[in-house]
Amino acid sequence: MKKNRIANLIFIFIIIQLLSGFYLPANAQIKKNFYPISDSYVTNQYPENNYGNLDCLTVANYTDKVAYVFIMFDLSDIPNNAYIKSGTLTLQSIYIGRSREFALLVPNSVGAYKSENINWEETEINWNNKPECSEDNWLDSRPVNVPDDVDIWDISNGIRDNGTYLITTTGKLTIVLKAYHEETGFYSKESDYSPKLKIKYLERDPIIIIQIIVAVSVIAVVILVGYIYLRRRRKKK
């Protein structure tokens, strides 16, 4: 009888721990779309020109023309301890190549990078004052060869700290697009097809989730042991 009481107390204690310390909200996984607070492009052809008010973002890599795209997002709505599952950047192309009329036989590979600079201004950025962007900060590349198509880059590592947590020192993120050859024009935030950053995250620490799994497993074992014990006891009677 005493053993039964101890087993029951242990069982109740685990249930309380599960409900209080390891409670996981039903909407733990959250998906949010973020749109640029600033975007523009810069080109060495006209190093002092600013293109922040245009509805087009040009990225190019020729011997006589190089152009980079800069896009900034405000991610301050995401909690500091969020566990980032994924982050994808989506843009829609307007044209491909200098002719601007046909798809390319060889895709224009466009790379996405992260810049640590979040202080540039959309209406002031140009080739001469553009933020630095190291090749070491490469995030993803995508072949782009069809006009009026939706293109997606995986930039998850750009919003993670050590591959897990959101970097929330400033709450802002700068993504830079570079072409490896050819030219591509994308819609900017001034258009009807603004760039979009989709982030999936959990509001709780993944360690807590593991603890929940462990707690549920312990409860399952306790129930199973109790069930076996009661069956054996009934058979003895």
Protein backbone atom coordinates (compact mmCIF):
# COMPACT_ATOMS: atom_id res chain seq x y z
CA MET A 1 0.00 0.00 0.00
CA LYS A 2 2.85 2.32 0.93
CA LYS A 3 4.61 1.60 -2.39
CA ASN A 4 1.44 2.54 -4.27
CA ARG A 5 1.26 5.88 -2.46
CA ILE A 6 4.90 6.66 -3.26
CA ALA A 7 4.37 5.77 -6.91
CA ASN A 8 1.27 7.97 -7.04
CA LEU A 9 3.13 10.89 -5.46
CA ILE A 10 5.96 10.55 -7.98
CA PHE A 11 3.47 10.45 -10.81
CA ILE A 12 1.64 13.57 -9.54
CA PHE A 13 4.96 15.40 -9.06
CA ILE A 14 5.98 14.75 -12.69
CA ILE A 15 2.58 15.94 -13.93
CA ILE A 16 2.95 19.19 -11.95
CA GLN A 17 6.44 19.73 -13.38
CA LEU A 18 5.14 19.18 -16.88
CA LEU A 19 2.30 21.66 -16.48
CA SER A 20 4.25 24.36 -14.67
CA GLY A 21 7.93 24.27 -15.64
CA PHE A 22 7.74 22.63 -19.06
CA TYR A 23 4.59 24.16 -20.48
CA LEU A 24 4.85 24.72 -24.25
CA PRO A 25 2.38 27.15 -25.87
CA ALA A 26 0.26 25.79 -28.70
CA ASN A 27 1.61 28.46 -31.06
CA ALA A 28 5.29 27.89 -30.26
CA GLN A 29 6.33 27.95 -33.92
CA ILE A 30 5.77 31.36 -35.45
CA LYS A 31 6.08 32.51 -39.06
CA LYS A 32 6.59 36.20 -39.76
CA ASN A 33 7.08 38.20 -42.92
CA PHE A 34 9.33 41.24 -42.86
CA TYR A 35 9.57 43.92 -45.53
CA PRO A 36 12.48 46.30 -46.16
CA ILE A 37 12.79 49.53 -44.24
CA SER A 38 15.46 50.55 -46.80
CA ASP A 39 16.63 49.22 -50.16
CA SER A 40 18.74 50.55 -52.99
CA TYR A 41 21.51 49.62 -55.38
CA VAL A 42 24.90 51.16 -56.18
CA THR A 43 27.02 51.00 -59.32
CA ASN A 44 30.58 51.92 -60.23
CA GLN A 45 29.33 53.40 -63.52
CA TYR A 46 27.91 56.37 -61.62
CA PRO A 47 29.65 56.23 -58.24
CA GLU A 48 27.99 59.33 -56.80
CA ASN A 49 24.44 58.53 -57.87
CA ASN A 50 21.76 57.30 -55.49
CA TYR A 51 18.92 55.00 -56.63
CA GLY A 52 16.96 54.59 -53.41
CA ASN A 53 13.72 56.00 -54.81
CA LEU A 54 13.46 53.64 -57.79
CA ASP A 55 11.15 50.63 -58.07
CA CYS A 56 14.04 48.52 -59.41
CA LEU A 57 17.10 47.00 -57.73
CA THR A 58 19.93 46.25 -60.16
CA VAL A 59 22.71 43.74 -59.57
CA ALA A 60 25.40 43.36 -62.24
CA ASN A 61 28.92 42.11 -62.90
CA TYR A 62 30.56 43.13 -66.18
CA THR A 63 34.02 44.40 -67.00
CA ASP A 64 32.55 47.89 -67.46
CA LYS A 65 29.76 47.75 -64.87
CA VAL A 66 29.38 46.37 -61.36
CA ALA A 67 26.26 46.89 -59.22
CA TYR A 68 25.30 45.69 -55.74
CA VAL A 69 21.90 45.63 -54.06
CA PHE A 70 21.48 46.64 -50.40
CA ILE A 71 18.38 45.68 -48.40
CA MET A 72 17.77 46.42 -44.72
CA PHE A 73 15.16 44.77 -42.45
CA ASP A 74 14.01 45.60 -38.93
CA LEU A 75 13.73 42.35 -36.92
CA SER A 76 13.16 43.90 -33.50
CA ASP A 77 9.73 42.23 -33.23
CA ILE A 78 11.40 38.84 -32.71
CA PRO A 79 12.12 37.97 -29.03
CA ASN A 80 15.74 37.93 -27.87
CA ASN A 81 15.66 34.22 -26.98
CA ALA A 82 13.94 33.09 -30.18
CA TYR A 83 15.18 29.85 -31.73
CA ILE A 84 15.53 30.51 -35.46
CA LYS A 85 14.40 27.60 -37.61
CA SER A 86 14.82 29.27 -41.00
CA GLY A 87 15.00 32.56 -42.86
CA THR A 88 14.33 33.03 -46.58
CA LEU A 89 14.70 36.13 -48.73
CA THR A 90 12.32 36.42 -51.68
CA LEU A 91 12.60 38.82 -54.61
CA GLN A 92 10.84 38.96 -57.96
CA SER A 93 12.93 39.65 -61.05
CA ILE A 94 12.00 42.28 -63.63
CA TYR A 95 14.59 41.54 -66.30
CA ILE A 96 17.65 39.39 -66.91
CA GLY A 97 20.71 40.49 -68.90
CA ARG A 98 21.40 43.71 -70.76
CA SER A 99 18.89 43.04 -73.53
CA ARG A 100 16.07 42.94 -70.94
CA GLU A 101 13.96 40.94 -73.37
CA PHE A 102 14.90 37.27 -73.13
CA ALA A 103 15.82 34.64 -70.59
CA LEU A 104 19.52 33.81 -70.32
CA LEU A 105 20.86 30.54 -71.65
CA VAL A 106 23.39 30.59 -68.81
CA PRO A 107 21.79 31.72 -65.51
CA ASN A 108 23.05 34.83 -63.76
CA SER A 109 24.16 33.46 -60.40
CA VAL A 110 23.31 35.94 -57.64
CA GLY A 111 24.80 35.61 -54.18
CA ALA A 112 23.34 36.88 -50.91
CA TYR A 113 25.70 38.24 -48.25
CA LYS A 114 25.36 39.79 -44.83
CA SER A 115 26.83 43.21 -44.08
CA GLU A 116 27.51 44.23 -40.48
CA ASN A 117 26.71 47.84 -41.39
CA ILE A 118 23.14 48.88 -40.54
CA ASN A 119 23.70 52.65 -40.56
CA TRP A 120 23.39 53.42 -44.27
CA GLU A 121 20.52 55.57 -45.58
CA GLU A 122 18.35 54.60 -48.53
CA THR A 123 18.43 58.10 -50.05
CA GLU A 124 22.18 58.62 -49.50
CA ILE A 125 23.93 55.33 -50.28
CA ASN A 126 26.09 55.25 -53.42
CA TRP A 127 29.13 53.41 -54.75
CA ASN A 128 31.57 55.71 -52.97
CA ASN A 129 30.05 55.40 -49.49
CA LYS A 130 28.60 51.89 -49.68
CA PRO A 131 29.08 49.62 -46.61
CA GLU A 132 31.80 46.98 -46.68
CA CYS A 133 30.67 43.43 -47.35
CA SER A 134 33.20 40.64 -46.96
CA GLU A 135 33.09 37.53 -49.11
CA ASP A 136 33.36 35.62 -45.83
CA ASN A 137 29.79 36.71 -45.06
CA TRP A 138 28.34 34.70 -47.95
CA LEU A 139 24.94 33.17 -47.12
CA ASP A 140 23.52 31.60 -50.27
CA SER A 141 23.56 31.77 -54.09
CA ARG A 142 20.84 31.26 -56.64
CA PRO A 143 20.79 30.92 -60.45
CA VAL A 144 18.52 33.58 -61.94
CA ASN A 145 17.67 33.25 -65.63
CA VAL A 146 13.92 33.83 -66.12
CA PRO A 147 12.36 37.32 -66.10
CA ASP A 148 9.33 37.96 -63.89
CA ASP A 149 10.18 34.97 -61.70
CA VAL A 150 10.26 34.60 -57.91
CA ASP A 151 13.72 33.87 -56.52
CA ILE A 152 14.47 32.66 -52.99
CA TRP A 153 17.70 32.66 -50.96
CA ASP A 154 18.27 30.84 -47.68
CA ILE A 155 19.75 33.49 -45.36
CA SER A 156 19.16 31.59 -42.09
CA ASN A 157 22.78 31.85 -40.98
CA GLY A 158 22.61 35.62 -41.32
CA ILE A 159 20.09 35.89 -38.50
CA ARG A 160 21.53 33.27 -36.17
CA ASP A 161 24.05 33.57 -33.39
CA ASN A 162 26.22 30.43 -33.37
CA GLY A 163 23.62 28.79 -35.60
CA THR A 164 20.85 28.99 -33.03
CA TYR A 165 19.67 32.33 -31.68
CA LEU A 166 18.62 35.51 -33.38
CA ILE A 167 21.23 38.24 -33.36
CA THR A 168 19.32 41.08 -31.71
CA THR A 169 22.06 43.54 -30.82
CA THR A 170 20.47 46.17 -33.03
CA GLY A 171 17.39 44.42 -34.35
CA LYS A 172 18.37 45.30 -37.92
CA LEU A 173 19.80 43.20 -40.74
CA THR A 174 21.52 44.25 -43.97
CA ILE A 175 21.55 41.83 -46.91
CA VAL A 176 23.72 42.50 -49.95
CA LEU A 177 23.18 40.90 -53.37
CA LYS A 178 26.08 40.45 -55.80
CA ALA A 179 26.06 39.02 -59.33
CA TYR A 180 28.79 36.64 -60.47
CA HIS A 181 28.19 37.63 -64.11
CA GLU A 182 25.52 39.33 -66.22
CA GLU A 183 22.80 41.66 -64.88
CA THR A 184 19.44 41.26 -63.15
CA GLY A 185 16.80 43.75 -62.09
CA PHE A 186 14.53 43.01 -59.10
CA TYR A 187 11.48 44.87 -57.80
CA SER A 188 12.19 47.16 -54.85
CA LYS A 189 9.98 48.11 -51.90
CA GLU A 190 8.72 51.07 -53.94
CA SER A 191 6.96 48.61 -56.27
CA ASP A 192 3.97 46.29 -55.84
CA TYR A 193 6.33 43.31 -55.47
CA SER A 194 8.49 44.28 -52.52
CA PRO A 195 11.33 42.01 -51.31
CA LYS A 196 10.24 39.81 -48.42
CA LEU A 197 12.03 38.10 -45.58
CA LYS A 198 10.18 35.13 -44.08
CA ILE A 199 11.40 33.89 -40.70
CA LYS A 200 10.23 30.79 -38.81
CA TYR A 201 11.13 30.65 -35.14
CA LEU A 202 10.24 29.24 -31.74
CA GLU A 203 9.72 31.58 -28.82
CA ARG A 204 11.19 29.14 -26.31
CA ASP A 205 14.66 27.72 -25.86
CA PRO A 206 15.10 24.37 -27.72
CA ILE A 207 16.55 22.91 -24.50
CA ILE A 208 13.15 23.39 -22.89
CA ILE A 209 11.56 21.48 -25.74
CA ILE A 210 14.00 18.63 -25.16
CA GLN A 211 13.08 18.71 -21.49
CA ILE A 212 9.43 18.46 -22.43
CA ILE A 213 10.12 15.39 -24.52
CA VAL A 214 12.08 13.86 -21.65
CA ALA A 215 9.30 14.67 -19.17
CA VAL A 216 6.64 13.15 -21.41
CA SER A 217 8.81 10.07 -21.89
CA VAL A 218 9.23 9.70 -18.11
CA ILE A 219 5.47 9.95 -17.63
CA ALA A 220 4.92 7.31 -20.32
CA VAL A 221 7.39 4.98 -18.58
CA VAL A 222 5.74 5.55 -15.18
CA ILE A 223 2.32 4.77 -16.64
CA LEU A 224 3.65 1.67 -18.36
CA VAL A 225 5.39 0.41 -15.20
CA GLY A 226 2.26 1.11 -13.18
CA TYR A 227 0.12 -0.72 -15.70
CA ILE A 228 2.41 -3.77 -15.67
CA TYR A 229 2.55 -3.73 -11.88
CA LEU A 230 -1.24 -3.63 -11.53
CA ARG A 231 -1.67 -6.47 -14.05
CA ARG A 232 0.75 -8.68 -12.18
CA ARG A 233 -0.94 -7.88 -8.89
CA ARG A 234 -4.35 -8.80 -10.27
CA LYS A 235 -2.99 -12.07 -11.62
CA LYS A 236 -1.62 -12.96 -8.15
CA LYS A 237 -5.07 -12.39 -6.64
